[in-house]
């Protein structure tokens, strides 16, 4: 499993390193623009990971190994998701960002369900892989809906922080 995380992390680093020019060419070339994007980015990640941990507790995943696995997987996938959606939005506009968000959420669900189905039952001493897959579905659905609502209500979290900084 450690090799899998190392591989995902390596892909993530490559993805970020090839994406830096996108941010430099974006409409947010001011310090305030960068700051609001960074703050918004971390707020989205923290909210999503917090929601998915709350769902984990509701599913009975409370042991240290379970929580650690869920944290590592969710932080990695949320970082990847948010960076990819921001890049899609900056390069091709909001509609492509939304399409990217929906498509990647589905792929992330499959990825997380596979990791949890293999690892969580062993940590909890249970043989119920279905529970782990159901958890992945419910957790990702919760963060997907919350992310969509936050974007709809706030016009995007980074836009919300930009508006706050203007007042």
N, C-alpha and C. Protein backbone atom coordinates (compact mmCIF):
# COMPACT_ATOMS: atom_id res chain seq x y z
N UNK A 1 0.82 -1.19 0.00
CA UNK A 1 0.00 0.00 0.00
C UNK A 1 0.87 1.25 0.00
N UNK A 2 1.99 1.23 0.68
CA UNK A 2 2.88 2.38 0.71
C UNK A 2 3.38 2.72 -0.69
N UNK A 3 3.64 1.70 -1.50
CA UNK A 3 4.08 1.94 -2.87
C UNK A 3 2.99 2.62 -3.67
N UNK A 4 1.73 2.24 -3.44
CA UNK A 4 0.61 2.86 -4.14
C UNK A 4 0.53 4.34 -3.79
N UNK A 5 0.67 4.66 -2.50
CA UNK A 5 0.63 6.07 -2.09
C UNK A 5 1.80 6.84 -2.67
N UNK A 6 2.98 6.23 -2.70
CA UNK A 6 4.15 6.87 -3.28
C UNK A 6 3.93 7.15 -4.76
N UNK A 7 3.33 6.20 -5.45
CA UNK A 7 3.05 6.38 -6.88
C UNK A 7 2.05 7.52 -7.10
N UNK A 8 0.97 7.54 -6.32
CA UNK A 8 -0.04 8.60 -6.44
C UNK A 8 0.58 9.94 -6.12
N UNK A 9 1.42 10.00 -5.08
CA UNK A 9 2.08 11.24 -4.70
C UNK A 9 3.01 11.72 -5.82
N UNK A 10 3.75 10.79 -6.43
CA UNK A 10 4.64 11.15 -7.54
C UNK A 10 3.85 11.72 -8.71
N UNK A 11 2.73 11.09 -9.03
CA UNK A 11 1.87 11.62 -10.10
C UNK A 11 1.37 13.01 -9.75
N UNK A 12 1.01 13.19 -8.50
CA UNK A 12 0.52 14.48 -8.04
C UNK A 12 1.59 15.56 -8.19
N UNK A 13 2.82 15.26 -7.83
CA UNK A 13 3.93 16.22 -7.96
C UNK A 13 4.17 16.56 -9.43
N UNK A 14 4.16 15.56 -10.28
CA UNK A 14 4.33 15.81 -11.73
C UNK A 14 3.20 16.69 -12.23
N UNK A 15 1.98 16.39 -11.80
CA UNK A 15 0.81 17.16 -12.22
C UNK A 15 0.95 18.62 -11.81
N UNK A 16 1.36 18.84 -10.56
CA UNK A 16 1.52 20.21 -10.07
C UNK A 16 2.65 20.93 -10.81
N UNK A 17 3.77 20.24 -10.99
CA UNK A 17 4.92 20.90 -11.61
C UNK A 17 4.65 21.28 -13.06
N UNK A 18 3.79 20.55 -13.74
CA UNK A 18 3.46 20.91 -15.12
C UNK A 18 2.34 21.94 -15.18
N UNK A 19 1.71 22.23 -14.04
CA UNK A 19 0.58 23.14 -14.02
C UNK A 19 0.92 24.53 -13.56
N UNK A 20 2.09 24.74 -13.02
CA UNK A 20 2.46 26.06 -12.49
C UNK A 20 2.30 27.17 -13.52
N UNK A 21 2.70 26.98 -14.79
CA UNK A 21 2.50 28.06 -15.75
C UNK A 21 1.05 28.46 -15.94
N UNK A 22 0.12 27.54 -15.70
CA UNK A 22 -1.30 27.86 -15.83
C UNK A 22 -1.68 28.94 -14.85
N UNK A 23 -1.22 28.81 -13.61
CA UNK A 23 -1.56 29.79 -12.60
C UNK A 23 -0.93 31.15 -12.92
N UNK A 24 0.25 31.15 -13.46
CA UNK A 24 0.91 32.41 -13.80
C UNK A 24 0.16 33.13 -14.92
N UNK A 25 -0.48 32.37 -15.78
CA UNK A 25 -1.18 32.98 -16.91
C UNK A 25 -2.66 33.21 -16.61
N UNK A 26 -3.09 32.93 -15.40
CA UNK A 26 -4.51 33.06 -15.08
C UNK A 26 -4.87 34.52 -14.84
N UNK A 27 -6.18 34.70 -14.60
CA UNK A 27 -6.66 36.05 -14.35
C UNK A 27 -6.31 36.54 -12.95
N UNK A 28 -5.73 35.70 -12.12
CA UNK A 28 -5.44 36.04 -10.73
C UNK A 28 -3.96 36.37 -10.58
N UNK A 29 -3.48 37.35 -11.33
CA UNK A 29 -2.05 37.65 -11.31
C UNK A 29 -1.67 38.67 -10.24
N UNK A 30 -2.61 39.05 -9.38
CA UNK A 30 -2.27 39.95 -8.29
C UNK A 30 -2.01 39.13 -7.04
N UNK A 31 -1.35 39.73 -6.08
CA UNK A 31 -1.08 39.04 -4.82
C UNK A 31 -2.40 38.67 -4.15
N UNK A 32 -3.38 39.59 -4.18
CA UNK A 32 -4.67 39.31 -3.57
C UNK A 32 -5.35 38.14 -4.27
N UNK A 33 -5.22 38.07 -5.59
CA UNK A 33 -5.82 36.97 -6.34
C UNK A 33 -5.21 35.64 -5.97
N UNK A 34 -3.89 35.61 -5.87
CA UNK A 34 -3.22 34.37 -5.46
C UNK A 34 -3.62 33.99 -4.04
N UNK A 35 -3.64 34.98 -3.14
CA UNK A 35 -3.98 34.71 -1.75
C UNK A 35 -5.38 34.15 -1.62
N UNK A 36 -6.34 34.75 -2.33
CA UNK A 36 -7.72 34.26 -2.24
C UNK A 36 -7.84 32.86 -2.83
N UNK A 37 -7.11 32.56 -3.89
CA UNK A 37 -7.13 31.21 -4.47
C UNK A 37 -6.54 30.19 -3.50
N UNK A 38 -5.44 30.55 -2.86
CA UNK A 38 -4.79 29.63 -1.93
C UNK A 38 -5.68 29.38 -0.71
N UNK A 39 -6.23 30.44 -0.14
CA UNK A 39 -7.11 30.29 1.02
C UNK A 39 -8.34 29.47 0.63
N UNK A 40 -8.95 29.82 -0.50
CA UNK A 40 -10.13 29.09 -0.96
C UNK A 40 -9.84 27.62 -1.19
N UNK A 41 -8.68 27.35 -1.76
CA UNK A 41 -8.25 25.98 -2.02
C UNK A 41 -8.18 25.18 -0.73
N UNK A 42 -7.50 25.73 0.28
CA UNK A 42 -7.36 25.00 1.54
C UNK A 42 -8.68 24.89 2.28
N UNK A 43 -9.54 25.90 2.19
CA UNK A 43 -10.85 25.81 2.83
C UNK A 43 -11.66 24.67 2.20
N UNK A 44 -11.64 24.56 0.87
CA UNK A 44 -12.37 23.48 0.21
C UNK A 44 -11.84 22.12 0.62
N UNK A 45 -10.54 21.98 0.69
CA UNK A 45 -9.94 20.70 1.08
C UNK A 45 -10.30 20.36 2.52
N UNK A 46 -10.19 21.32 3.42
CA UNK A 46 -10.49 21.08 4.84
C UNK A 46 -11.95 20.70 5.03
N UNK A 47 -12.85 21.41 4.37
CA UNK A 47 -14.28 21.10 4.49
C UNK A 47 -14.57 19.69 3.96
N UNK A 48 -14.04 19.36 2.79
CA UNK A 48 -14.30 18.04 2.20
C UNK A 48 -13.74 16.92 3.08
N UNK A 49 -12.52 17.07 3.54
CA UNK A 49 -11.92 16.03 4.38
C UNK A 49 -12.67 15.93 5.70
N UNK A 50 -13.06 17.05 6.27
CA UNK A 50 -13.84 17.03 7.52
C UNK A 50 -15.17 16.32 7.35
N UNK A 51 -15.86 16.60 6.27
CA UNK A 51 -17.13 15.92 6.01
C UNK A 51 -16.94 14.42 5.82
N UNK A 52 -15.90 14.04 5.08
CA UNK A 52 -15.68 12.62 4.83
C UNK A 52 -15.25 11.90 6.11
N UNK A 53 -14.55 12.58 6.99
CA UNK A 53 -14.22 11.98 8.29
C UNK A 53 -15.47 11.83 9.16
N UNK A 54 -16.37 12.80 9.09
CA UNK A 54 -17.62 12.69 9.85
C UNK A 54 -18.44 11.49 9.36
N UNK A 55 -18.48 11.28 8.06
CA UNK A 55 -19.18 10.11 7.51
C UNK A 55 -18.49 8.83 7.97
N UNK A 56 -17.15 8.84 8.02
CA UNK A 56 -16.40 7.66 8.48
C UNK A 56 -16.78 7.29 9.91
N UNK A 57 -16.88 8.30 10.76
CA UNK A 57 -17.26 8.05 12.15
C UNK A 57 -18.69 7.47 12.20
N UNK A 58 -19.58 8.01 11.37
CA UNK A 58 -20.95 7.50 11.32
C UNK A 58 -20.98 6.04 10.87
N UNK A 59 -20.04 5.65 10.04
CA UNK A 59 -19.93 4.26 9.58
C UNK A 59 -19.18 3.37 10.57
N UNK A 60 -18.69 3.95 11.64
CA UNK A 60 -18.00 3.16 12.66
C UNK A 60 -16.50 3.04 12.47
N UNK A 61 -15.94 3.80 11.54
CA UNK A 61 -14.49 3.78 11.34
C UNK A 61 -13.86 4.81 12.27
N UNK A 62 -13.41 4.32 13.44
CA UNK A 62 -12.87 5.21 14.46
C UNK A 62 -11.47 4.83 14.92
N UNK A 63 -11.03 3.66 14.53
CA UNK A 63 -9.70 3.22 14.97
C UNK A 63 -8.62 4.07 14.32
N UNK A 64 -7.49 4.15 15.00
CA UNK A 64 -6.39 5.00 14.54
C UNK A 64 -5.96 4.66 13.11
N UNK A 65 -5.81 3.36 12.81
CA UNK A 65 -5.38 2.95 11.46
C UNK A 65 -6.43 3.33 10.42
N UNK A 66 -7.71 3.18 10.75
CA UNK A 66 -8.78 3.51 9.82
C UNK A 66 -8.80 5.01 9.52
N UNK A 67 -8.73 5.79 10.59
CA UNK A 67 -8.76 7.25 10.42
C UNK A 67 -7.52 7.73 9.66
N UNK A 68 -6.37 7.15 9.95
CA UNK A 68 -5.14 7.52 9.25
C UNK A 68 -5.25 7.22 7.76
N UNK A 69 -5.74 6.03 7.41
CA UNK A 69 -5.92 5.68 6.00
C UNK A 69 -6.88 6.64 5.32
N UNK A 70 -8.01 6.89 5.96
CA UNK A 70 -9.03 7.78 5.37
C UNK A 70 -8.47 9.19 5.20
N UNK A 71 -7.72 9.68 6.18
CA UNK A 71 -7.10 11.01 6.08
C UNK A 71 -6.12 11.08 4.91
N UNK A 72 -5.23 10.12 4.83
CA UNK A 72 -4.21 10.13 3.77
C UNK A 72 -4.87 10.08 2.39
N UNK A 73 -5.80 9.15 2.22
CA UNK A 73 -6.46 9.00 0.92
C UNK A 73 -7.26 10.25 0.57
N UNK A 74 -8.00 10.79 1.53
CA UNK A 74 -8.83 11.96 1.25
C UNK A 74 -8.02 13.22 1.00
N UNK A 75 -6.97 13.43 1.74
CA UNK A 75 -6.15 14.61 1.49
C UNK A 75 -5.53 14.53 0.10
N UNK A 76 -5.00 13.36 -0.26
CA UNK A 76 -4.40 13.19 -1.59
C UNK A 76 -5.43 13.40 -2.70
N UNK A 77 -6.61 12.79 -2.57
CA UNK A 77 -7.60 12.91 -3.64
C UNK A 77 -8.20 14.31 -3.69
N UNK A 78 -8.38 14.94 -2.53
CA UNK A 78 -8.93 16.30 -2.54
C UNK A 78 -7.93 17.30 -3.12
N UNK A 79 -6.67 17.13 -2.81
CA UNK A 79 -5.66 18.01 -3.42
C UNK A 79 -5.67 17.85 -4.94
N UNK A 80 -5.65 16.60 -5.39
CA UNK A 80 -5.68 16.33 -6.83
C UNK A 80 -6.94 16.91 -7.46
N UNK A 81 -8.10 16.63 -6.87
CA UNK A 81 -9.38 17.10 -7.42
C UNK A 81 -9.42 18.62 -7.52
N UNK A 82 -9.07 19.31 -6.46
CA UNK A 82 -9.18 20.76 -6.45
C UNK A 82 -8.18 21.43 -7.39
N UNK A 83 -6.98 20.90 -7.46
CA UNK A 83 -6.01 21.46 -8.41
C UNK A 83 -6.47 21.22 -9.85
N UNK A 84 -6.94 20.02 -10.14
CA UNK A 84 -7.39 19.71 -11.50
C UNK A 84 -8.58 20.56 -11.91
N UNK A 85 -9.53 20.74 -11.01
CA UNK A 85 -10.71 21.56 -11.32
C UNK A 85 -10.31 23.01 -11.53
N UNK A 86 -9.41 23.52 -10.69
CA UNK A 86 -8.95 24.91 -10.87
C UNK A 86 -8.24 25.09 -12.21
N UNK A 87 -7.41 24.14 -12.57
CA UNK A 87 -6.70 24.22 -13.84
C UNK A 87 -7.69 24.17 -15.00
N UNK A 88 -8.65 23.26 -14.92
CA UNK A 88 -9.67 23.16 -15.98
C UNK A 88 -10.45 24.46 -16.09
N UNK A 89 -10.81 25.03 -14.95
CA UNK A 89 -11.56 26.28 -14.94
C UNK A 89 -10.74 27.42 -15.54
N UNK A 90 -9.47 27.52 -15.16
CA UNK A 90 -8.62 28.59 -15.67
C UNK A 90 -8.34 28.44 -17.16
N UNK A 91 -8.12 27.21 -17.59
CA UNK A 91 -7.77 26.99 -19.00
C UNK A 91 -8.95 27.04 -19.95
N UNK A 92 -10.09 26.48 -19.51
CA UNK A 92 -11.19 26.31 -20.46
C UNK A 92 -12.52 26.90 -19.98
N UNK A 93 -12.56 27.48 -18.81
CA UNK A 93 -13.78 28.12 -18.35
C UNK A 93 -14.57 27.28 -17.35
N UNK A 94 -15.60 27.93 -16.81
CA UNK A 94 -16.38 27.33 -15.73
C UNK A 94 -17.08 26.04 -16.14
N UNK A 95 -17.64 26.00 -17.34
CA UNK A 95 -18.35 24.79 -17.77
C UNK A 95 -17.43 23.58 -17.79
N UNK A 96 -16.22 23.76 -18.32
CA UNK A 96 -15.27 22.65 -18.35
C UNK A 96 -14.83 22.30 -16.93
N UNK A 97 -14.73 23.30 -16.06
CA UNK A 97 -14.40 23.04 -14.66
C UNK A 97 -15.46 22.18 -13.99
N UNK A 98 -16.74 22.46 -14.28
CA UNK A 98 -17.84 21.68 -13.72
C UNK A 98 -17.81 20.25 -14.25
N UNK A 99 -17.60 20.11 -15.55
CA UNK A 99 -17.53 18.78 -16.16
C UNK A 99 -16.36 17.99 -15.56
N UNK A 100 -15.23 18.66 -15.39
CA UNK A 100 -14.06 18.02 -14.79
C UNK A 100 -14.37 17.59 -13.36
N UNK A 101 -15.03 18.47 -12.62
CA UNK A 101 -15.40 18.17 -11.22
C UNK A 101 -16.25 16.90 -11.14
N UNK A 102 -17.27 16.82 -11.97
CA UNK A 102 -18.18 15.66 -11.95
C UNK A 102 -17.43 14.39 -12.36
N UNK A 103 -16.67 14.46 -13.45
CA UNK A 103 -15.94 13.29 -13.92
C UNK A 103 -14.90 12.79 -12.93
N UNK A 104 -14.15 13.72 -12.36
CA UNK A 104 -13.11 13.33 -11.41
C UNK A 104 -13.70 12.80 -10.10
N UNK A 105 -14.82 13.37 -9.66
CA UNK A 105 -15.47 12.84 -8.45
C UNK A 105 -15.84 11.37 -8.65
N UNK A 106 -16.33 11.02 -9.83
CA UNK A 106 -16.69 9.63 -10.11
C UNK A 106 -15.44 8.74 -10.07
N UNK A 107 -14.37 9.19 -10.72
CA UNK A 107 -13.12 8.41 -10.72
C UNK A 107 -12.52 8.29 -9.32
N UNK A 108 -12.61 9.36 -8.55
CA UNK A 108 -12.10 9.33 -7.19
C UNK A 108 -12.90 8.36 -6.34
N UNK A 109 -14.22 8.33 -6.54
CA UNK A 109 -15.04 7.35 -5.81
C UNK A 109 -14.55 5.93 -6.10
N UNK A 110 -14.31 5.61 -7.37
CA UNK A 110 -13.84 4.26 -7.74
C UNK A 110 -12.49 3.99 -7.08
N UNK A 111 -11.58 4.96 -7.14
CA UNK A 111 -10.25 4.81 -6.55
C UNK A 111 -10.34 4.59 -5.04
N UNK A 112 -11.10 5.45 -4.36
CA UNK A 112 -11.23 5.33 -2.91
C UNK A 112 -11.94 4.05 -2.52
N UNK A 113 -12.99 3.68 -3.24
CA UNK A 113 -13.73 2.45 -2.93
C UNK A 113 -12.81 1.24 -3.01
N UNK A 114 -11.94 1.22 -4.02
CA UNK A 114 -11.01 0.10 -4.17
C UNK A 114 -10.02 0.05 -3.01
N UNK A 115 -9.46 1.19 -2.65
CA UNK A 115 -8.50 1.23 -1.53
C UNK A 115 -9.19 0.84 -0.22
N UNK A 116 -10.37 1.38 0.03
CA UNK A 116 -11.07 1.09 1.27
C UNK A 116 -11.54 -0.36 1.33
N UNK A 117 -12.01 -0.90 0.20
CA UNK A 117 -12.49 -2.29 0.18
C UNK A 117 -11.37 -3.26 0.51
N UNK A 118 -10.16 -2.93 0.09
CA UNK A 118 -9.03 -3.80 0.36
C UNK A 118 -8.49 -3.61 1.78
N UNK A 119 -8.45 -2.38 2.26
CA UNK A 119 -7.75 -2.09 3.52
C UNK A 119 -8.63 -1.94 4.76
N UNK A 120 -9.77 -1.29 4.65
CA UNK A 120 -10.57 -1.03 5.85
C UNK A 120 -11.10 -2.29 6.53
N UNK A 121 -11.59 -3.29 5.79
CA UNK A 121 -12.06 -4.50 6.51
C UNK A 121 -10.95 -5.16 7.33
N UNK A 122 -9.74 -5.15 6.86
CA UNK A 122 -8.63 -5.73 7.62
C UNK A 122 -8.32 -4.97 8.88
N UNK A 123 -8.47 -3.64 8.83
CA UNK A 123 -8.20 -2.83 10.01
C UNK A 123 -9.26 -3.03 11.08
N UNK A 124 -10.49 -3.21 10.64
CA UNK A 124 -11.58 -3.31 11.60
C UNK A 124 -11.88 -4.75 12.01
N UNK A 125 -11.20 -5.71 11.40
CA UNK A 125 -11.42 -7.10 11.72
C UNK A 125 -12.69 -7.65 11.08
N UNK A 126 -13.27 -6.90 10.18
CA UNK A 126 -14.50 -7.29 9.52
C UNK A 126 -14.19 -7.84 8.13
N UNK A 127 -15.09 -8.60 7.59
CA UNK A 127 -14.91 -9.10 6.22
C UNK A 127 -15.86 -8.39 5.26
N UNK A 128 -16.48 -7.32 5.70
CA UNK A 128 -17.49 -6.63 4.90
C UNK A 128 -16.87 -5.56 4.01
N UNK A 129 -16.49 -5.97 2.83
CA UNK A 129 -15.95 -5.01 1.86
C UNK A 129 -17.04 -4.08 1.35
N UNK A 130 -18.26 -4.58 1.32
CA UNK A 130 -19.39 -3.76 0.86
C UNK A 130 -19.60 -2.53 1.72
N UNK A 131 -19.36 -2.66 3.02
CA UNK A 131 -19.48 -1.51 3.92
C UNK A 131 -18.46 -0.44 3.56
N UNK A 132 -17.25 -0.86 3.22
CA UNK A 132 -16.20 0.09 2.85
C UNK A 132 -16.56 0.81 1.55
N UNK A 133 -17.11 0.08 0.59
CA UNK A 133 -17.52 0.68 -0.69
C UNK A 133 -18.69 1.64 -0.46
N UNK A 134 -19.65 1.22 0.37
CA UNK A 134 -20.78 2.10 0.69
C UNK A 134 -20.29 3.36 1.39
N UNK A 135 -19.32 3.20 2.31
CA UNK A 135 -18.74 4.38 2.95
C UNK A 135 -18.14 5.32 1.90
N UNK A 136 -17.35 4.78 0.99
CA UNK A 136 -16.72 5.61 -0.05
C UNK A 136 -17.78 6.35 -0.85
N UNK A 137 -18.86 5.67 -1.18
CA UNK A 137 -19.94 6.30 -1.95
C UNK A 137 -20.59 7.43 -1.16
N UNK A 138 -20.97 7.14 0.09
CA UNK A 138 -21.64 8.15 0.91
C UNK A 138 -20.73 9.34 1.22
N UNK A 139 -19.49 9.06 1.52
CA UNK A 139 -18.54 10.14 1.84
C UNK A 139 -18.31 11.04 0.62
N UNK A 140 -18.12 10.43 -0.54
CA UNK A 140 -17.88 11.23 -1.74
C UNK A 140 -19.14 11.96 -2.19
N UNK A 141 -20.29 11.34 -2.03
CA UNK A 141 -21.55 12.03 -2.36
C UNK A 141 -21.75 13.23 -1.45
N UNK A 142 -21.46 13.06 -0.16
CA UNK A 142 -21.59 14.16 0.79
C UNK A 142 -20.67 15.33 0.42
N UNK A 143 -19.42 15.05 0.16
CA UNK A 143 -18.49 16.14 -0.17
C UNK A 143 -18.80 16.73 -1.55
N UNK A 144 -19.29 15.90 -2.48
CA UNK A 144 -19.67 16.40 -3.80
C UNK A 144 -20.84 17.38 -3.69
N UNK A 145 -21.87 17.01 -2.94
CA UNK A 145 -23.03 17.89 -2.77
C UNK A 145 -22.64 19.15 -2.03
N UNK A 146 -21.85 19.01 -0.96
CA UNK A 146 -21.41 20.18 -0.19
C UNK A 146 -20.57 21.12 -1.06
N UNK A 147 -19.68 20.55 -1.86
CA UNK A 147 -18.86 21.38 -2.75
C UNK A 147 -19.70 22.12 -3.77
N UNK A 148 -20.67 21.43 -4.32
CA UNK A 148 -21.57 22.08 -5.29
C UNK A 148 -22.40 23.18 -4.65
N UNK A 149 -22.91 22.91 -3.44
CA UNK A 149 -23.70 23.93 -2.74
C UNK A 149 -22.85 25.13 -2.37
N UNK A 150 -21.65 24.88 -1.88
CA UNK A 150 -20.77 26.00 -1.54
C UNK A 150 -20.46 26.85 -2.77
N UNK A 151 -20.19 26.20 -3.88
CA UNK A 151 -19.90 26.94 -5.10
C UNK A 151 -21.12 27.73 -5.56
N UNK A 152 -22.31 27.13 -5.45
CA UNK A 152 -23.54 27.81 -5.87
C UNK A 152 -23.86 28.98 -4.95
N UNK A 153 -23.73 28.77 -3.66
CA UNK A 153 -24.09 29.80 -2.69
C UNK A 153 -23.05 30.91 -2.67
N UNK A 154 -21.78 30.53 -2.70
CA UNK A 154 -20.72 31.51 -2.55
C UNK A 154 -20.13 31.98 -3.88
N UNK A 155 -20.55 31.37 -4.98
CA UNK A 155 -19.97 31.71 -6.27
C UNK A 155 -18.54 31.21 -6.38
N UNK A 156 -18.24 30.16 -5.66
CA UNK A 156 -16.87 29.67 -5.59
C UNK A 156 -16.24 30.23 -4.34
N UNK A 157 -15.56 29.43 -3.58
CA UNK A 157 -15.00 29.88 -2.31
C UNK A 157 -13.98 30.97 -2.52
N UNK A 158 -13.16 30.85 -3.56
CA UNK A 158 -12.15 31.88 -3.77
C UNK A 158 -12.79 33.23 -4.11
N UNK A 159 -13.93 33.20 -4.83
CA UNK A 159 -14.65 34.44 -5.11
C UNK A 159 -15.18 35.05 -3.82
N UNK A 160 -15.64 34.21 -2.92
CA UNK A 160 -16.15 34.67 -1.64
C UNK A 160 -15.07 35.41 -0.86
N UNK A 161 -13.86 34.85 -0.82
CA UNK A 161 -12.77 35.50 -0.10
C UNK A 161 -12.31 36.78 -0.80
N UNK A 162 -12.40 36.80 -2.11
CA UNK A 162 -12.08 38.02 -2.84
C UNK A 162 -13.04 39.13 -2.48
N UNK A 163 -14.33 38.80 -2.41
CA UNK A 163 -15.35 39.80 -2.04
C UNK A 163 -15.11 40.29 -0.61
N UNK A 164 -14.80 39.37 0.30
CA UNK A 164 -14.53 39.77 1.69
C UNK A 164 -13.33 40.70 1.79
N UNK A 165 -12.29 40.45 0.99
CA UNK A 165 -11.09 41.27 1.09
C UNK A 165 -11.29 42.67 0.51
N UNK A 166 -12.33 42.86 -0.30
CA UNK A 166 -12.59 44.17 -0.92
C UNK A 166 -13.31 45.10 0.06
N UNK A 167 -13.91 44.55 1.11
CA UNK A 167 -14.71 45.39 2.01
C UNK A 167 -13.90 45.92 3.15
